[in-house]
Amino acid sequence: MEIYQFKKEMGKKVTQFSSDFILTRIALTQKANIGCMHLEENGVIGFHQAVVPQLLLIVNGGGFVRGESNEFVKVQSGEAVFWEKDEWHETKTDTGLTAIVIQSEKLDISSLMSLQK
């Protein structure tokens, strides 16, 4: 057994696309890139296009996300957001947010979770 850390202190600050968050890498496989995003109060993952399909799993805190429209939707711990390849998107928080991000060309979540209505 081996124990690893993905604490905020282990990550690197990201400022690309006017972002302000810490990214801790978790795993990189031939098919997926997995990381942990740590957003402090007033943190943001800036508006940009998804290079591949992307799943954002909110594990702590809450904030707001948007796709290509300017309308932000509130999200909180226990919810996940999926963006298709090439979809413009942004995430922001007033109070802080921690999320696991999974990015993969082969990402298919249709059988894994129920869609929130």
PDB file of N, CA and C in Angstrom:
ATOM      1  N   MET A   1       0.843  -1.172   0.000  1.00  0.00           N
ATOM      2  CA  MET A   1       0.000   0.000   0.000  1.00  0.00           C
ATOM      3  C   MET A   1       0.888   1.234   0.000  1.00  0.00           C
ATOM      4  N   GLU A   2       0.443   2.249  -0.733  1.00  0.00           N
ATOM      5  CA  GLU A   2       1.110   3.542  -0.760  1.00  0.00           C
ATOM      6  C   GLU A   2       0.069   4.616  -0.508  1.00  0.00           C
ATOM      7  N   ILE A   3       0.445   5.653   0.197  1.00  0.00           N
ATOM      8  CA  ILE A   3      -0.472   6.753   0.493  1.00  0.00           C
ATOM      9  C   ILE A   3       0.077   8.022  -0.143  1.00  0.00           C
ATOM     10  N   TYR A   4      -0.769   8.704  -0.887  1.00  0.00           N
ATOM     11  CA  TYR A   4      -0.388   9.934  -1.581  1.00  0.00           C
ATOM     12  C   TYR A   4      -1.234  11.088  -1.065  1.00  0.00           C
ATOM     13  N   GLN A   5      -0.808  12.296  -1.355  1.00  0.00           N
ATOM     14  CA  GLN A   5      -1.537  13.483  -0.937  1.00  0.00           C
ATOM     15  C   GLN A   5      -1.930  14.313  -2.163  1.00  0.00           C
ATOM     16  N   PHE A   6      -3.125  14.885  -2.095  1.00  0.00           N
ATOM     17  CA  PHE A   6      -3.533  15.846  -3.119  1.00  0.00           C
ATOM     18  C   PHE A   6      -4.053  17.123  -2.453  1.00  0.00           C
ATOM     19  N   LYS A   7      -3.469  17.430  -1.302  1.00  0.00           N
ATOM     20  CA  LYS A   7      -3.815  18.637  -0.565  1.00  0.00           C
ATOM     21  C   LYS A   7      -3.463  19.876  -1.382  1.00  0.00           C
ATOM     22  N   LYS A   8      -4.119  20.965  -1.063  1.00  0.00           N
ATOM     23  CA  LYS A   8      -3.883  22.235  -1.743  1.00  0.00           C
ATOM     24  C   LYS A   8      -2.393  22.604  -1.710  1.00  0.00           C
ATOM     25  N   GLU A   9      -1.736  22.355  -0.594  1.00  0.00           N
ATOM     26  CA  GLU A   9      -0.328  22.708  -0.439  1.00  0.00           C
ATOM     27  C   GLU A   9       0.583  21.947  -1.406  1.00  0.00           C
ATOM     28  N   MET A  10       0.097  20.854  -1.967  1.00  0.00           N
ATOM     29  CA  MET A  10       0.883  20.046  -2.889  1.00  0.00           C
ATOM     30  C   MET A  10       0.736  20.504  -4.342  1.00  0.00           C
ATOM     31  N   GLY A  11      -0.206  21.420  -4.592  1.00  0.00           N
ATOM     32  CA  GLY A  11      -0.526  21.819  -5.957  1.00  0.00           C
ATOM     33  C   GLY A  11       0.217  23.045  -6.443  1.00  0.00           C
ATOM     34  N   LYS A  12      -0.183  23.478  -7.643  1.00  0.00           N
ATOM     35  CA  LYS A  12       0.405  24.653  -8.284  1.00  0.00           C
ATOM     36  C   LYS A  12      -0.693  25.638  -8.650  1.00  0.00           C
ATOM     37  N   LYS A  13      -0.389  26.907  -8.488  1.00  0.00           N
ATOM     38  CA  LYS A  13      -1.349  27.965  -8.802  1.00  0.00           C
ATOM     39  C   LYS A  13      -1.559  28.034 -10.315  1.00  0.00           C
ATOM     40  N   VAL A  14      -2.831  28.182 -10.721  1.00  0.00           N
ATOM     41  CA  VAL A  14      -3.186  28.312 -12.132  1.00  0.00           C
ATOM     42  C   VAL A  14      -3.784  29.696 -12.345  1.00  0.00           C
ATOM     43  N   THR A  15      -3.256  30.421 -13.344  1.00  0.00           N
ATOM     44  CA  THR A  15      -3.755  31.762 -13.654  1.00  0.00           C
ATOM     45  C   THR A  15      -4.177  31.889 -15.121  1.00  0.00           C
ATOM     46  N   GLN A  16      -3.996  30.826 -15.904  1.00  0.00           N
ATOM     47  CA  GLN A  16      -4.385  30.826 -17.316  1.00  0.00           C
ATOM     48  C   GLN A  16      -5.880  31.111 -17.457  1.00  0.00           C
ATOM     49  N   PHE A  17      -6.280  31.863 -18.463  1.00  0.00           N
ATOM     50  CA  PHE A  17      -7.669  32.255 -18.729  1.00  0.00           C
ATOM     51  C   PHE A  17      -8.244  33.114 -17.591  1.00  0.00           C
ATOM     52  N   SER A  18      -7.401  33.918 -16.947  1.00  0.00           N
ATOM     53  CA  SER A  18      -7.798  34.757 -15.804  1.00  0.00           C
ATOM     54  C   SER A  18      -8.299  33.911 -14.633  1.00  0.00           C
ATOM     55  N   SER A  19      -7.754  32.717 -14.502  1.00  0.00           N
ATOM     56  CA  SER A  19      -8.129  31.814 -13.415  1.00  0.00           C
ATOM     57  C   SER A  19      -7.389  32.179 -12.135  1.00  0.00           C
ATOM     58  N   ASP A  20      -7.919  31.680 -11.028  1.00  0.00           N
ATOM     59  CA  ASP A  20      -7.277  31.831  -9.729  1.00  0.00           C
ATOM     60  C   ASP A  20      -7.638  30.625  -8.873  1.00  0.00           C
ATOM     61  N   PHE A  21      -6.839  29.550  -8.997  1.00  0.00           N
ATOM     62  CA  PHE A  21      -7.060  28.338  -8.210  1.00  0.00           C
ATOM     63  C   PHE A  21      -5.768  27.543  -8.124  1.00  0.00           C
ATOM     64  N   ILE A  22      -5.772  26.536  -7.274  1.00  0.00           N
ATOM     65  CA  ILE A  22      -4.628  25.625  -7.118  1.00  0.00           C
ATOM     66  C   ILE A  22      -5.033  24.271  -7.702  1.00  0.00           C
ATOM     67  N   LEU A  23      -4.178  23.704  -8.544  1.00  0.00           N
ATOM     68  CA  LEU A  23      -4.423  22.389  -9.139  1.00  0.00           C
ATOM     69  C   LEU A  23      -3.423  21.390  -8.580  1.00  0.00           C
ATOM     70  N   THR A  24      -3.957  20.320  -8.021  1.00  0.00           N
ATOM     71  CA  THR A  24      -3.136  19.204  -7.560  1.00  0.00           C
ATOM     72  C   THR A  24      -3.397  18.034  -8.494  1.00  0.00           C
ATOM     73  N   ARG A  25      -2.374  17.565  -9.140  1.00  0.00           N
ATOM     74  CA  ARG A  25      -2.535  16.440 -10.065  1.00  0.00           C
ATOM     75  C   ARG A  25      -2.705  15.149  -9.269  1.00  0.00           C
ATOM     76  N   ILE A  26      -3.641  14.312  -9.736  1.00  0.00           N
ATOM     77  CA  ILE A  26      -3.886  13.039  -9.058  1.00  0.00           C
ATOM     78  C   ILE A  26      -3.385  11.876  -9.898  1.00  0.00           C
ATOM     79  N   ALA A  27      -3.804  11.811 -11.158  1.00  0.00           N
ATOM     80  CA  ALA A  27      -3.391  10.699 -12.018  1.00  0.00           C
ATOM     81  C   ALA A  27      -3.458  11.110 -13.482  1.00  0.00           C
ATOM     82  N   LEU A  28      -2.559  10.530 -14.247  1.00  0.00           N
ATOM     83  CA  LEU A  28      -2.547  10.714 -15.691  1.00  0.00           C
ATOM     84  C   LEU A  28      -2.406   9.335 -16.304  1.00  0.00           C
ATOM     85  N   THR A  29      -3.418   8.942 -17.079  1.00  0.00           N
ATOM     86  CA  THR A  29      -3.367   7.647 -17.751  1.00  0.00           C
ATOM     87  C   THR A  29      -3.325   7.893 -19.252  1.00  0.00           C
ATOM     88  N   GLN A  30      -3.280   6.839 -20.022  1.00  0.00           N
ATOM     89  CA  GLN A  30      -3.310   6.988 -21.472  1.00  0.00           C
ATOM     90  C   GLN A  30      -4.648   7.555 -21.940  1.00  0.00           C
ATOM     91  N   LYS A  31      -5.693   7.407 -21.097  1.00  0.00           N
ATOM     92  CA  LYS A  31      -7.023   7.834 -21.516  1.00  0.00           C
ATOM     93  C   LYS A  31      -7.616   8.950 -20.680  1.00  0.00           C
ATOM     94  N   ALA A  32      -7.040   9.278 -19.518  1.00  0.00           N
ATOM     95  CA  ALA A  32      -7.669  10.274 -18.647  1.00  0.00           C
ATOM     96  C   ALA A  32      -6.638  11.086 -17.873  1.00  0.00           C
ATOM     97  N   ASN A  33      -7.032  12.307 -17.564  1.00  0.00           N
ATOM     98  CA  ASN A  33      -6.261  13.205 -16.716  1.00  0.00           C
ATOM     99  C   ASN A  33      -7.157  13.550 -15.529  1.00  0.00           C
ATOM    100  N   ILE A  34      -6.682  13.294 -14.305  1.00  0.00           N
ATOM    101  CA  ILE A  34      -7.500  13.512 -13.110  1.00  0.00           C
ATOM    102  C   ILE A  34      -6.742  14.437 -12.171  1.00  0.00           C
ATOM    103  N   GLY A  35      -7.457  15.434 -11.648  1.00  0.00           N
ATOM    104  CA  GLY A  35      -6.828  16.376 -10.741  1.00  0.00           C
ATOM    105  C   GLY A  35      -7.812  16.892  -9.710  1.00  0.00           C
ATOM    106  N   CYS A  36      -7.281  17.634  -8.755  1.00  0.00           N
ATOM    107  CA  CYS A  36      -8.112  18.265  -7.734  1.00  0.00           C
ATOM    108  C   CYS A  36      -7.917  19.773  -7.838  1.00  0.00           C
ATOM    109  N   MET A  37      -9.029  20.501  -7.939  1.00  0.00           N
ATOM    110  CA  MET A  37      -8.996  21.947  -8.050  1.00  0.00           C
ATOM    111  C   MET A  37      -9.435  22.553  -6.727  1.00  0.00           C
ATOM    112  N   HIS A  38      -8.605  23.420  -6.191  1.00  0.00           N
ATOM    113  CA  HIS A  38      -8.861  24.071  -4.912  1.00  0.00           C
ATOM    114  C   HIS A  38      -9.100  25.554  -5.182  1.00  0.00           C
ATOM    115  N   LEU A  39     -10.321  26.010  -5.015  1.00  0.00           N
ATOM    116  CA  LEU A  39     -10.649  27.413  -5.203  1.00  0.00           C
ATOM    117  C   LEU A  39     -10.909  28.051  -3.844  1.00  0.00           C
ATOM    118  N   GLU A  40     -10.177  29.082  -3.538  1.00  0.00           N
ATOM    119  CA  GLU A  40     -10.384  29.827  -2.305  1.00  0.00           C
ATOM    120  C   GLU A  40     -11.586  30.763  -2.487  1.00  0.00           C
ATOM    121  N   GLU A  41     -11.881  31.548  -1.476  1.00  0.00           N
ATOM    122  CA  GLU A  41     -12.932  32.561  -1.558  1.00  0.00           C
ATOM    123  C   GLU A  41     -12.674  33.442  -2.794  1.00  0.00           C
ATOM    124  N   ASN A  42     -13.720  33.651  -3.598  1.00  0.00           N
ATOM    125  CA  ASN A  42     -13.665  34.425  -4.844  1.00  0.00           C
ATOM    126  C   ASN A  42     -12.762  33.797  -5.908  1.00  0.00           C
ATOM    127  N   GLY A  43     -12.535  32.480  -5.827  1.00  0.00           N
ATOM    128  CA  GLY A  43     -11.732  31.778  -6.815  1.00  0.00           C
ATOM    129  C   GLY A  43     -12.493  31.589  -8.113  1.00  0.00           C
ATOM    130  N   VAL A  44     -11.739  31.354  -9.183  1.00  0.00           N
ATOM    131  CA  VAL A  44     -12.359  31.184 -10.496  1.00  0.00           C
ATOM    132  C   VAL A  44     -11.521  30.255 -11.370  1.00  0.00           C
ATOM    133  N   ILE A  45     -12.209  29.421 -12.125  1.00  0.00           N
ATOM    134  CA  ILE A  45     -11.611  28.686 -13.237  1.00  0.00           C
ATOM    135  C   ILE A  45     -12.120  29.430 -14.459  1.00  0.00           C
ATOM    136  N   GLY A  46     -11.268  30.200 -15.090  1.00  0.00           N
ATOM    137  CA  GLY A  46     -11.663  31.142 -16.125  1.00  0.00           C
ATOM    138  C   GLY A  46     -12.355  30.523 -17.333  1.00  0.00           C
ATOM    139  N   PHE A  47     -13.102  31.354 -18.033  1.00  0.00           N
ATOM    140  CA  PHE A  47     -13.887  30.966 -19.211  1.00  0.00           C
ATOM    141  C   PHE A  47     -12.945  30.466 -20.308  1.00  0.00           C
ATOM    142  N   HIS A  48     -13.114  29.204 -20.710  1.00  0.00           N
ATOM    143  CA  HIS A  48     -12.280  28.602 -21.744  1.00  0.00           C
ATOM    144  C   HIS A  48     -12.998  27.412 -22.369  1.00  0.00           C
ATOM    145  N   GLN A  49     -12.454  26.936 -23.482  1.00  0.00           N
ATOM    146  CA  GLN A  49     -13.028  25.783 -24.173  1.00  0.00           C
ATOM    147  C   GLN A  49     -12.450  24.484 -23.620  1.00  0.00           C
ATOM    148  N   ALA A  50     -13.309  23.494 -23.454  1.00  0.00           N
ATOM    149  CA  ALA A  50     -12.856  22.168 -23.017  1.00  0.00           C
ATOM    150  C   ALA A  50     -12.110  21.490 -24.163  1.00  0.00           C
ATOM    151  N   VAL A  51     -10.899  21.064 -23.917  1.00  0.00           N
ATOM    152  CA  VAL A  51     -10.096  20.388 -24.933  1.00  0.00           C
ATOM    153  C   VAL A  51     -10.633  18.985 -25.204  1.00  0.00           C
ATOM    154  N   VAL A  52     -11.165  18.357 -24.156  1.00  0.00           N
ATOM    155  CA  VAL A  52     -11.789  17.030 -24.229  1.00  0.00           C
ATOM    156  C   VAL A  52     -13.012  17.070 -23.314  1.00  0.00           C
ATOM    157  N   PRO A  53     -13.897  16.072 -23.354  1.00  0.00           N
ATOM    158  CA  PRO A  53     -14.996  16.027 -22.389  1.00  0.00           C
ATOM    159  C   PRO A  53     -14.453  16.106 -20.963  1.00  0.00           C
ATOM    160  N   GLN A  54     -15.193  16.807 -20.108  1.00  0.00           N
ATOM    161  CA  GLN A  54     -14.697  17.088 -18.760  1.00  0.00           C
ATOM    162  C   GLN A  54     -15.810  16.938 -17.738  1.00  0.00           C
ATOM    163  N   LEU A  55     -15.506  16.272 -16.640  1.00  0.00           N
ATOM    164  CA  LEU A  55     -16.443  16.086 -15.538  1.00  0.00           C
ATOM    165  C   LEU A  55     -15.857  16.739 -14.292  1.00  0.00           C
ATOM    166  N   LEU A  56     -16.624  17.651 -13.687  1.00  0.00           N
ATOM    167  CA  LEU A  56     -16.206  18.362 -12.485  1.00  0.00           C
ATOM    168  C   LEU A  56     -17.069  17.874 -11.334  1.00  0.00           C
ATOM    169  N   LEU A  57     -16.449  17.217 -10.343  1.00  0.00           N
ATOM    170  CA  LEU A  57     -17.158  16.657  -9.193  1.00  0.00           C
ATOM    171  C   LEU A  57     -16.911  17.559  -7.986  1.00  0.00           C
ATOM    172  N   ILE A  58     -17.940  18.253  -7.519  1.00  0.00           N
ATOM    173  CA  ILE A  58     -17.806  19.159  -6.389  1.00  0.00           C
ATOM    174  C   ILE A  58     -17.781  18.313  -5.106  1.00  0.00           C
ATOM    175  N   VAL A  59     -16.667  18.337  -4.390  1.00  0.00           N
ATOM    176  CA  VAL A  59     -16.535  17.512  -3.190  1.00  0.00           C
ATOM    177  C   VAL A  59     -16.617  18.322  -1.897  1.00  0.00           C
ATOM    178  N   ASN A  60     -16.439  19.628  -1.995  1.00  0.00           N
ATOM    179  CA  ASN A  60     -16.541  20.477  -0.809  1.00  0.00           C
ATOM    180  C   ASN A  60     -16.885  21.898  -1.244  1.00  0.00           C
ATOM    181  N   GLY A  61     -17.751  22.545  -0.479  1.00  0.00           N
ATOM    182  CA  GLY A  61     -18.108  23.923  -0.785  1.00  0.00           C
ATOM    183  C   GLY A  61     -19.135  24.025  -1.901  1.00  0.00           C
ATOM    184  N   GLY A  62     -19.156  25.165  -2.534  1.00  0.00           N
ATOM    185  CA  GLY A  62     -20.104  25.395  -3.610  1.00  0.00           C
ATOM    186  C   GLY A  62     -19.728  26.617  -4.399  1.00  0.00           C
ATOM    187  N   GLY A  63     -20.432  26.800  -5.505  1.00  0.00           N
ATOM    188  CA  GLY A  63     -20.146  27.933  -6.359  1.00  0.00           C
ATOM    189  C   GLY A  63     -21.130  27.994  -7.505  1.00  0.00           C
ATOM    190  N   PHE A  64     -20.640  28.480  -8.640  1.00  0.00           N
ATOM    191  CA  PHE A  64     -21.474  28.691  -9.810  1.00  0.00           C
ATOM    192  C   PHE A  64     -20.722  28.249 -11.057  1.00  0.00           C
ATOM    193  N   VAL A  65     -21.439  27.628 -11.979  1.00  0.00           N
ATOM    194  CA  VAL A  65     -20.851  27.189 -13.243  1.00  0.00           C
ATOM    195  C   VAL A  65     -21.704  27.696 -14.399  1.00  0.00           C
ATOM    196  N   ARG A  66     -21.061  27.789 -15.545  1.00  0.00           N
ATOM    197  CA  ARG A  66     -21.803  28.133 -16.761  1.00  0.00           C
ATOM    198  C   ARG A  66     -21.162  27.421 -17.932  1.00  0.00           C
ATOM    199  N   GLY A  67     -21.989  27.239 -18.937  1.00  0.00           N
ATOM    200  CA  GLY A  67     -21.502  26.720 -20.201  1.00  0.00           C
ATOM    201  C   GLY A  67     -21.306  27.897 -21.129  1.00  0.00           C
ATOM    202  N   GLU A  68     -21.797  27.771 -22.345  1.00  0.00           N
ATOM    203  CA  GLU A  68     -21.585  28.816 -23.335  1.00  0.00           C
ATOM    204  C   GLU A  68     -22.481  30.033 -23.136  1.00  0.00           C
ATOM    205  N   SER A  69     -23.538  29.899 -22.350  1.00  0.00           N
ATOM    206  CA  SER A  69     -24.405  31.049 -22.078  1.00  0.00           C
ATOM    207  C   SER A  69     -23.790  31.865 -20.938  1.00  0.00           C
ATOM    208  N   ASN A  70     -24.320  33.044 -20.709  1.00  0.00           N
ATOM    209  CA  ASN A  70     -23.832  33.881 -19.614  1.00  0.00           C
ATOM    210  C   ASN A  70     -24.542  33.573 -18.306  1.00  0.00           C
ATOM    211  N   GLU A  71     -25.468  32.608 -18.302  1.00  0.00           N
ATOM    212  CA  GLU A  71     -26.239  32.271 -17.115  1.00  0.00           C
ATOM    213  C   GLU A  71     -25.480  31.287 -16.229  1.00  0.00           C
ATOM    214  N   PHE A  72     -25.189  31.710 -15.004  1.00  0.00           N
ATOM    215  CA  PHE A  72     -24.518  30.844 -14.045  1.00  0.00           C
ATOM    216  C   PHE A  72     -25.548  30.012 -13.292  1.00  0.00           C
ATOM    217  N   VAL A  73     -25.193  28.769 -12.977  1.00  0.00           N
ATOM    218  CA  VAL A  73     -26.042  27.844 -12.233  1.00  0.00           C
ATOM    219  C   VAL A  73     -25.320  27.491 -10.939  1.00  0.00           C
ATOM    220  N   LYS A  74     -26.047  27.519  -9.833  1.00  0.00           N
ATOM    221  CA  LYS A  74     -25.459  27.202  -8.531  1.00  0.00           C
ATOM    222  C   LYS A  74     -25.184  25.700  -8.430  1.00  0.00           C
ATOM    223  N   VAL A  75     -24.008  25.348  -7.898  1.00  0.00           N
ATOM    224  CA  VAL A  75     -23.631  23.952  -7.644  1.00  0.00           C
ATOM    225  C   VAL A  75     -23.077  23.843  -6.232  1.00  0.00           C
ATOM    226  N   GLN A  76     -23.157  22.632  -5.681  1.00  0.00           N
ATOM    227  CA  GLN A  76     -22.672  22.428  -4.313  1.00  0.00           C
ATOM    228  C   GLN A  76     -22.090  21.029  -4.181  1.00  0.00           C
ATOM    229  N   SER A  77     -21.524  20.777  -3.030  1.00  0.00           N
ATOM    230  CA  SER A  77     -20.913  19.490  -2.731  1.00  0.00           C
ATOM    231  C   SER A  77     -21.881  18.350  -3.053  1.00  0.00           C
ATOM    232  N   GLY A  78     -21.371  17.318  -3.707  1.00  0.00           N
ATOM    233  CA  GLY A  78     -22.195  16.166  -4.077  1.00  0.00           C
ATOM    234  C   GLY A  78     -22.760  16.254  -5.480  1.00  0.00           C
ATOM    235  N   GLU A  79     -22.528  17.362  -6.182  1.00  0.00           N
ATOM    236  CA  GLU A  79     -23.020  17.520  -7.553  1.00  0.00           C
ATOM    237  C   GLU A  79     -21.848  17.460  -8.531  1.00  0.00           C
ATOM    238  N   ALA A  80     -22.169  17.101  -9.759  1.00  0.00           N
ATOM    239  CA  ALA A  80     -21.163  17.001 -10.814  1.00  0.00           C
ATOM    240  C   ALA A  80     -21.643  17.757 -12.047  1.00  0.00           C
ATOM    241  N   VAL A  81     -20.695  18.345 -12.764  1.00  0.00           N
ATOM    242  CA  VAL A  81     -21.000  19.102 -13.977  1.00  0.00           C
ATOM    243  C   VAL A  81     -20.210  18.482 -15.118  1.00  0.00           C
ATOM    244  N   PHE A  82     -20.871  18.276 -16.254  1.00  0.00           N
ATOM    245  CA  PHE A  82     -20.229  17.679 -17.422  1.00  0.00           C
ATOM    246  C   PHE A  82     -20.243  18.671 -18.569  1.00  0.00           C
ATOM    247  N   TRP A  83     -19.085  18.857 -19.194  1.00  0.00           N
ATOM    248  CA  TRP A  83     -18.976  19.692 -20.384  1.00  0.00           C
ATOM    249  C   TRP A  83     -18.437  18.845 -21.524  1.00  0.00           C
ATOM    250  N   GLU A  84     -19.026  19.022 -22.690  1.00  0.00           N
ATOM    251  CA  GLU A  84     -18.585  18.324 -23.893  1.00  0.00           C
ATOM    252  C   GLU A  84     -17.285  18.942 -24.422  1.00  0.00           C
ATOM    253  N   LYS A  85     -16.591  18.219 -25.263  1.00  0.00           N
ATOM    254  CA  LYS A  85     -15.404  18.734 -25.943  1.00  0.00           C
ATOM    255  C   LYS A  85     -15.772  20.005 -26.700  1.00  0.00           C
ATOM    256  N   ASP A  86     -14.933  20.996 -26.640  1.00  0.00           N
ATOM    257  CA  ASP A  86     -15.078  22.300 -27.314  1.00  0.00           C
ATOM    258  C   ASP A  86     -16.102  23.221 -26.660  1.00  0.00           C
ATOM    259  N   GLU A  87     -16.798  22.763 -25.609  1.00  0.00           N
ATOM    260  CA  GLU A  87     -17.790  23.614 -24.951  1.00  0.00           C
ATOM    261  C   GLU A  87     -17.074  24.656 -24.080  1.00  0.00           C
ATOM    262  N   TRP A  88     -17.483  25.904 -24.232  1.00  0.00           N
ATOM    263  CA  TRP A  88     -16.957  26.971 -23.386  1.00  0.00           C
ATOM    264  C   TRP A  88     -17.563  26.836 -22.001  1.00  0.00           C
ATOM    265  N   HIS A  89     -16.761  27.083 -20.955  1.00  0.00           N
ATOM    266  CA  HIS A  89     -17.258  26.926 -19.597  1.00  0.00           C
ATOM    267  C   HIS A  89     -16.425  27.715 -18.594  1.00  0.00           C
ATOM    268  N   GLU A  90     -17.015  27.907 -17.420  1.00  0.00           N
ATOM    269  CA  GLU A  90     -16.372  28.667 -16.348  1.00  0.00           C
ATOM    270  C   GLU A  90     -16.936  28.206 -15.010  1.00  0.00           C
ATOM    271  N   THR A  91     -16.119  28.283 -13.965  1.00  0.00           N
ATOM    272  CA  THR A  91     -16.534  27.955 -12.602  1.00  0.00           C
ATOM    273  C   THR A  91     -16.038  29.063 -11.684  1.00  0.00           C
ATOM    274  N   LYS A  92     -16.898  29.479 -10.760  1.00  0.00           N
ATOM    275  CA  LYS A  92     -16.465  30.498  -9.795  1.00  0.00           C
ATOM    276  C   LYS A  92     -17.127  30.226  -8.453  1.00  0.00           C
ATOM    277  N   THR A  93     -16.555  30.817  -7.399  1.00  0.00           N
ATOM    278  CA  THR A  93     -17.091  30.637  -6.057  1.00  0.00           C
ATOM    279  C   THR A  93     -16.893  31.905  -5.239  1.00  0.00           C
ATOM    280  N   ASP A  94     -17.840  32.174  -4.380  1.00  0.00           N
ATOM    281  CA  ASP A  94     -17.715  33.291  -3.444  1.00  0.00           C
ATOM    282  C   ASP A  94     -17.098  32.823  -2.128  1.00  0.00           C
ATOM    283  N   THR A  95     -17.334  31.568  -1.778  1.00  0.00           N
ATOM    284  CA  THR A  95     -16.986  31.071  -0.449  1.00  0.00           C
ATOM    285  C   THR A  95     -15.908  29.987  -0.430  1.00  0.00           C
ATOM    286  N   GLY A  96     -15.552  29.436  -1.569  1.00  0.00           N
ATOM    287  CA  GLY A  96     -14.565  28.362  -1.644  1.00  0.00           C
ATOM    288  C   GLY A  96     -15.179  27.080  -2.181  1.00  0.00           C
ATOM    289  N   LEU A  97     -14.362  26.302  -2.868  1.00  0.00           N
ATOM    290  CA  LEU A  97     -14.853  25.097  -3.536  1.00  0.00           C
ATOM    291  C   LEU A  97     -13.670  24.175  -3.786  1.00  0.00           C
ATOM    292  N   THR A  98     -13.890  22.884  -3.582  1.00  0.00           N
ATOM    293  CA  THR A  98     -12.900  21.873  -3.942  1.00  0.00           C
ATOM    294  C   THR A  98     -13.589  20.880  -4.869  1.00  0.00           C
ATOM    295  N   ALA A  99     -12.931  20.553  -5.979  1.00  0.00           N
ATOM    296  CA  ALA A  99     -13.544  19.662  -6.969  1.00  0.00           C
ATOM    297  C   ALA A  99     -12.504  18.735  -7.577  1.00  0.00           C
ATOM    298  N   ILE A 100     -12.941  17.533  -7.889  1.00  0.00           N
ATOM    299  CA  ILE A 100     -12.133  16.595  -8.659  1.00  0.00           C
ATOM    300  C   ILE A 100     -12.527  16.777 -10.119  1.00  0.00           C
ATOM    301  N   VAL A 101     -11.536  16.899 -10.987  1.00  0.00           N
ATOM    302  CA  VAL A 101     -11.813  17.045 -12.414  1.00  0.00           C
ATOM    303  C   VAL A 101     -11.264  15.816 -13.138  1.00  0.00           C
ATOM    304  N   ILE A 102     -12.100  15.263 -14.019  1.00  0.00           N
ATOM    305  CA  ILE A 102     -11.712  14.123 -14.843  1.00  0.00           C
ATOM    306  C   ILE A 102     -11.881  14.550 -16.291  1.00  0.00           C
ATOM    307  N   GLN A 103     -10.799  14.464 -17.047  1.00  0.00           N
ATOM    308  CA  GLN A 103     -10.825  14.857 -18.456  1.00  0.00           C
ATOM    309  C   GLN A 103     -10.371  13.686 -19.307  1.00  0.00           C
ATOM    310  N   SER A 104     -11.179  13.364 -20.320  1.00  0.00           N
ATOM    311  CA  SER A 104     -10.829  12.237 -21.174  1.00  0.00           C
ATOM    312  C   SER A 104     -11.611  12.288 -22.470  1.00  0.00           C
ATOM    313  N   GLU A 105     -10.937  11.962 -23.554  1.00  0.00           N
ATOM    314  CA  GLU A 105     -11.595  11.885 -24.860  1.00  0.00           C
ATOM    315  C   GLU A 105     -12.676  10.805 -24.839  1.00  0.00           C
ATOM    316  N   LYS A 106     -12.503   9.789 -24.005  1.00  0.00           N
ATOM    317  CA  LYS A 106     -13.424   8.647 -23.936  1.00  0.00           C
ATOM    318  C   LYS A 106     -14.364   8.711 -22.740  1.00  0.00           C
ATOM    319  N   LEU A 107     -14.596   9.887 -22.185  1.00  0.00           N
ATOM    320  CA  LEU A 107     -15.415  10.024 -20.986  1.00  0.00           C
ATOM    321  C   LEU A 107     -16.896   9.848 -21.325  1.00  0.00           C
ATOM    322  N   ASP A 108     -17.516   8.837 -20.723  1.00  0.00           N
ATOM    323  CA  ASP A 108     -18.938   8.552 -20.917  1.00  0.00           C
ATOM    324  C   ASP A 108     -19.565   8.343 -19.545  1.00  0.00           C
ATOM    325  N   ILE A 109     -20.396   9.276 -19.130  1.00  0.00           N
ATOM    326  CA  ILE A 109     -21.001   9.185 -17.801  1.00  0.00           C
ATOM    327  C   ILE A 109     -22.463   8.770 -17.851  1.00  0.00           C
ATOM    328  N   SER A 110     -22.968   8.459 -19.003  1.00  0.00           N
ATOM    329  CA  SER A 110     -24.402   8.208 -19.162  1.00  0.00           C
ATOM    330  C   SER A 110     -24.933   7.090 -18.267  1.00  0.00           C
ATOM    331  N   SER A 111     -24.136   6.091 -17.964  1.00  0.00           N
ATOM    332  CA  SER A 111     -24.636   4.990 -17.143  1.00  0.00           C
ATOM    333  C   SER A 111     -24.194   5.104 -15.671  1.00  0.00           C
ATOM    334  N   LEU A 112     -23.473   6.146 -15.331  1.00  0.00           N
ATOM    335  CA  LEU A 112     -22.907   6.236 -13.992  1.00  0.00           C
ATOM    336  C   LEU A 112     -23.741   7.050 -13.007  1.00  0.00           C
ATOM    337  N   MET A 113     -24.427   8.076 -13.481  1.00  0.00           N
ATOM    338  CA  MET A 113     -25.139   8.983 -12.575  1.00  0.00           C
ATOM    339  C   MET A 113     -26.474   9.368 -13.161  1.00  0.00           C
ATOM    340  N   SER A 114     -27.396   9.756 -12.284  1.00  0.00           N
ATOM    341  CA  SER A 114     -28.680  10.255 -12.769  1.00  0.00           C
ATOM    342  C   SER A 114     -28.559  11.747 -13.019  1.00  0.00           C
ATOM    343  N   LEU A 115     -29.227  12.216 -14.047  1.00  0.00           N
ATOM    344  CA  LEU A 115     -29.212  13.614 -14.450  1.00  0.00           C
ATOM    345  C   LEU A 115     -30.147  14.403 -13.546  1.00  0.00           C
ATOM    346  N   GLN A 116     -29.645  15.509 -13.011  1.00  0.00           N
ATOM    347  CA  GLN A 116     -30.461  16.371 -12.153  1.00  0.00           C
ATOM    348  C   GLN A 116     -31.435  17.138 -13.031  1.00  0.00           C
ATOM    349  N   LYS A 117     -32.697  17.143 -12.652  1.00  0.00           N
ATOM    350  CA  LYS A 117     -33.732  17.840 -13.444  1.00  0.00           C
ATOM    351  C   LYS A 117     -34.018  19.186 -12.850  1.00  0.00           C
TER     352      LYS A 117
END
